[in-house]
């Protein structure tokens, strides 16, 4: 995993696109270019990822706060 690439791509993610996920946990691809899945809580997101056949250990997790005008660094799982 290239942390620099993940951070750069995540930082470039359009705020308008993130607004759809306010108040939810989001799983980003490891390169930060796409949202793999989302859910209102962490445990549900884990279940969604497993149901999709995705490895929850191979995504970058982030909670999208109610104020998406600022971008925080992603948490990696």
N, C-alpha and C. Protein backbone atom coordinates (compact mmCIF):
# COMPACT_ATOMS: atom_id res chain seq x y z
N UNK A 1 0.85 -1.18 0.00
CA UNK A 1 0.00 0.00 0.00
C UNK A 1 0.89 1.24 0.00
N UNK A 2 0.57 2.17 -0.86
CA UNK A 2 1.29 3.43 -0.96
C UNK A 2 0.48 4.51 -0.22
N UNK A 3 0.88 4.80 1.01
CA UNK A 3 0.15 5.78 1.84
C UNK A 3 0.11 7.15 1.19
N UNK A 4 1.20 7.56 0.56
CA UNK A 4 1.23 8.88 -0.09
C UNK A 4 0.17 8.96 -1.19
N UNK A 5 0.08 7.91 -2.00
CA UNK A 5 -0.91 7.90 -3.08
C UNK A 5 -2.32 7.91 -2.49
N UNK A 6 -2.55 7.12 -1.45
CA UNK A 6 -3.86 7.09 -0.80
C UNK A 6 -4.24 8.48 -0.31
N UNK A 7 -3.35 9.14 0.39
CA UNK A 7 -3.64 10.48 0.92
C UNK A 7 -3.86 11.51 -0.18
N UNK A 8 -3.05 11.46 -1.22
CA UNK A 8 -3.20 12.42 -2.32
C UNK A 8 -4.54 12.24 -3.03
N UNK A 9 -4.88 11.00 -3.35
CA UNK A 9 -6.13 10.74 -4.06
C UNK A 9 -7.34 11.04 -3.18
N UNK A 10 -7.25 10.68 -1.90
CA UNK A 10 -8.37 10.95 -0.98
C UNK A 10 -8.58 12.45 -0.83
N UNK A 11 -7.49 13.21 -0.72
CA UNK A 11 -7.59 14.67 -0.58
C UNK A 11 -8.21 15.31 -1.82
N UNK A 12 -8.02 14.68 -2.98
CA UNK A 12 -8.57 15.21 -4.23
C UNK A 12 -10.01 14.77 -4.47
N UNK A 13 -10.55 13.92 -3.58
CA UNK A 13 -11.91 13.43 -3.77
C UNK A 13 -12.88 14.60 -3.67
N UNK A 14 -13.77 14.76 -4.63
CA UNK A 14 -14.68 15.92 -4.64
C UNK A 14 -15.57 15.99 -3.38
N UNK A 15 -15.56 17.14 -2.74
CA UNK A 15 -16.36 17.35 -1.53
C UNK A 15 -17.84 17.12 -1.82
N UNK A 16 -18.29 17.52 -3.00
CA UNK A 16 -19.70 17.33 -3.36
C UNK A 16 -20.06 15.85 -3.38
N UNK A 17 -19.14 15.01 -3.82
CA UNK A 17 -19.40 13.57 -3.84
C UNK A 17 -19.44 13.02 -2.41
N UNK A 18 -18.58 13.53 -1.55
CA UNK A 18 -18.55 13.07 -0.16
C UNK A 18 -19.80 13.49 0.61
N UNK A 19 -20.42 14.58 0.19
CA UNK A 19 -21.60 15.08 0.90
C UNK A 19 -22.71 14.02 0.97
N UNK A 20 -22.76 13.13 0.00
CA UNK A 20 -23.77 12.07 -0.01
C UNK A 20 -23.58 11.08 1.15
N UNK A 21 -22.41 11.10 1.74
CA UNK A 21 -22.07 10.12 2.77
C UNK A 21 -21.98 10.73 4.17
N UNK A 22 -22.51 11.92 4.34
CA UNK A 22 -22.47 12.57 5.67
C UNK A 22 -23.05 11.65 6.73
N UNK A 23 -22.34 11.56 7.85
CA UNK A 23 -22.80 10.75 8.96
C UNK A 23 -22.62 9.25 8.76
N UNK A 24 -21.81 8.85 7.78
CA UNK A 24 -21.60 7.43 7.50
C UNK A 24 -20.12 7.08 7.52
N UNK A 25 -19.86 5.79 7.72
CA UNK A 25 -18.53 5.25 7.53
C UNK A 25 -18.38 4.91 6.05
N UNK A 26 -17.22 5.21 5.51
CA UNK A 26 -16.95 4.96 4.09
C UNK A 26 -15.68 4.11 3.99
N UNK A 27 -15.71 3.14 3.09
CA UNK A 27 -14.53 2.34 2.77
C UNK A 27 -14.02 2.79 1.41
N UNK A 28 -12.82 3.37 1.41
CA UNK A 28 -12.18 3.80 0.18
C UNK A 28 -11.28 2.67 -0.33
N UNK A 29 -11.12 2.61 -1.64
CA UNK A 29 -10.14 1.69 -2.20
C UNK A 29 -8.77 2.07 -1.64
N UNK A 30 -7.84 1.16 -1.64
CA UNK A 30 -6.54 1.41 -1.04
C UNK A 30 -5.75 2.50 -1.76
N UNK A 31 -6.14 2.83 -2.98
CA UNK A 31 -5.47 3.94 -3.66
C UNK A 31 -6.23 5.26 -3.47
N UNK A 32 -7.38 5.21 -2.76
CA UNK A 32 -8.14 6.42 -2.47
C UNK A 32 -8.92 6.99 -3.62
N UNK A 33 -9.04 6.27 -4.72
CA UNK A 33 -9.70 6.80 -5.91
C UNK A 33 -11.21 6.55 -5.96
N UNK A 34 -11.69 5.55 -5.19
CA UNK A 34 -13.12 5.25 -5.26
C UNK A 34 -13.65 4.81 -3.90
N UNK A 35 -14.94 4.98 -3.74
CA UNK A 35 -15.62 4.50 -2.55
C UNK A 35 -16.12 3.10 -2.84
N UNK A 36 -15.71 2.15 -2.03
CA UNK A 36 -16.08 0.75 -2.22
C UNK A 36 -17.46 0.49 -1.63
N UNK A 37 -17.71 1.04 -0.42
CA UNK A 37 -18.98 0.82 0.27
C UNK A 37 -19.13 1.86 1.37
N UNK A 38 -20.36 1.97 1.89
CA UNK A 38 -20.62 2.87 3.00
C UNK A 38 -21.75 2.30 3.85
N UNK A 39 -21.80 2.75 5.10
CA UNK A 39 -22.86 2.32 6.02
C UNK A 39 -22.89 3.29 7.19
N UNK A 40 -24.03 3.36 7.88
CA UNK A 40 -24.17 4.28 9.00
C UNK A 40 -23.28 3.96 10.20
N UNK A 41 -22.92 2.68 10.36
CA UNK A 41 -22.03 2.36 11.48
C UNK A 41 -20.95 1.39 11.02
N UNK A 42 -19.90 1.35 11.82
CA UNK A 42 -18.71 0.59 11.49
C UNK A 42 -19.00 -0.90 11.30
N UNK A 43 -19.77 -1.49 12.21
CA UNK A 43 -20.06 -2.92 12.12
C UNK A 43 -20.88 -3.26 10.88
N UNK A 44 -21.82 -2.39 10.55
CA UNK A 44 -22.61 -2.62 9.34
C UNK A 44 -21.74 -2.52 8.10
N UNK A 45 -20.81 -1.57 8.09
CA UNK A 45 -19.91 -1.43 6.94
C UNK A 45 -19.08 -2.69 6.78
N UNK A 46 -18.60 -3.24 7.88
CA UNK A 46 -17.84 -4.48 7.83
C UNK A 46 -18.67 -5.59 7.20
N UNK A 47 -19.93 -5.70 7.61
CA UNK A 47 -20.82 -6.72 7.06
C UNK A 47 -21.08 -6.50 5.57
N UNK A 48 -21.26 -5.25 5.18
CA UNK A 48 -21.49 -4.93 3.76
C UNK A 48 -20.27 -5.34 2.93
N UNK A 49 -19.09 -5.00 3.42
CA UNK A 49 -17.87 -5.35 2.70
C UNK A 49 -17.74 -6.86 2.54
N UNK A 50 -17.98 -7.59 3.62
CA UNK A 50 -17.89 -9.06 3.55
C UNK A 50 -18.92 -9.63 2.57
N UNK A 51 -20.14 -9.08 2.58
CA UNK A 51 -21.18 -9.55 1.66
C UNK A 51 -20.81 -9.28 0.20
N UNK A 52 -20.03 -8.23 -0.03
CA UNK A 52 -19.57 -7.89 -1.38
C UNK A 52 -18.37 -8.72 -1.80
N UNK A 53 -17.82 -9.49 -0.86
CA UNK A 53 -16.62 -10.25 -1.16
C UNK A 53 -15.34 -9.44 -1.00
N UNK A 54 -15.45 -8.28 -0.37
CA UNK A 54 -14.29 -7.42 -0.15
C UNK A 54 -13.66 -7.75 1.20
N UNK A 55 -12.37 -7.64 1.27
CA UNK A 55 -11.65 -7.86 2.52
C UNK A 55 -11.63 -6.55 3.30
N UNK A 56 -12.27 -6.49 4.47
CA UNK A 56 -12.29 -5.25 5.26
C UNK A 56 -10.90 -4.78 5.67
N UNK A 57 -9.91 -5.66 5.60
CA UNK A 57 -8.54 -5.28 5.92
C UNK A 57 -7.83 -4.63 4.74
N UNK A 58 -8.48 -4.60 3.59
CA UNK A 58 -7.86 -4.06 2.37
C UNK A 58 -8.54 -2.80 1.86
N UNK A 59 -9.16 -2.06 2.77
CA UNK A 59 -9.76 -0.78 2.42
C UNK A 59 -9.31 0.26 3.43
N UNK A 60 -9.46 1.52 3.07
CA UNK A 60 -9.17 2.63 3.99
C UNK A 60 -10.50 3.15 4.51
N UNK A 61 -10.65 3.16 5.83
CA UNK A 61 -11.91 3.55 6.44
C UNK A 61 -11.87 5.00 6.91
N UNK A 62 -13.00 5.66 6.74
CA UNK A 62 -13.12 7.05 7.20
C UNK A 62 -14.57 7.34 7.56
N UNK A 63 -14.76 8.05 8.64
CA UNK A 63 -16.09 8.54 8.98
C UNK A 63 -16.25 9.91 8.34
N UNK A 64 -17.32 10.09 7.58
CA UNK A 64 -17.57 11.37 6.92
C UNK A 64 -18.41 12.20 7.88
N UNK A 65 -17.79 13.22 8.44
CA UNK A 65 -18.44 14.07 9.43
C UNK A 65 -19.56 14.87 8.79
N UNK A 66 -20.36 15.49 9.62
CA UNK A 66 -21.47 16.29 9.11
C UNK A 66 -20.96 17.51 8.36
N UNK A 67 -19.73 17.92 8.63
CA UNK A 67 -19.14 19.05 7.91
C UNK A 67 -18.05 18.51 7.00
N UNK A 68 -18.39 18.30 5.73
CA UNK A 68 -17.42 17.75 4.79
C UNK A 68 -16.59 18.83 4.12
N UNK A 69 -16.66 20.04 4.62
CA UNK A 69 -15.88 21.11 4.01
C UNK A 69 -14.40 21.00 4.36
N UNK A 70 -14.09 20.16 5.36
CA UNK A 70 -12.68 19.90 5.66
C UNK A 70 -12.43 18.42 5.48
N UNK A 71 -11.23 18.09 5.08
CA UNK A 71 -10.90 16.70 4.83
C UNK A 71 -9.86 16.24 5.84
N UNK A 72 -10.16 15.17 6.50
CA UNK A 72 -9.20 14.60 7.44
C UNK A 72 -8.53 13.42 6.77
N UNK A 73 -7.42 13.03 7.30
CA UNK A 73 -6.71 11.88 6.75
C UNK A 73 -7.49 10.61 6.99
N UNK A 74 -7.41 9.70 6.05
CA UNK A 74 -8.14 8.44 6.22
C UNK A 74 -7.49 7.55 7.26
N UNK A 75 -8.30 6.74 7.89
CA UNK A 75 -7.80 5.71 8.80
C UNK A 75 -7.72 4.44 7.99
N UNK A 76 -6.62 3.75 8.08
CA UNK A 76 -6.51 2.50 7.34
C UNK A 76 -6.87 1.35 8.26
N UNK A 77 -7.51 0.40 7.67
CA UNK A 77 -7.93 -0.79 8.45
C UNK A 77 -6.89 -1.86 8.37
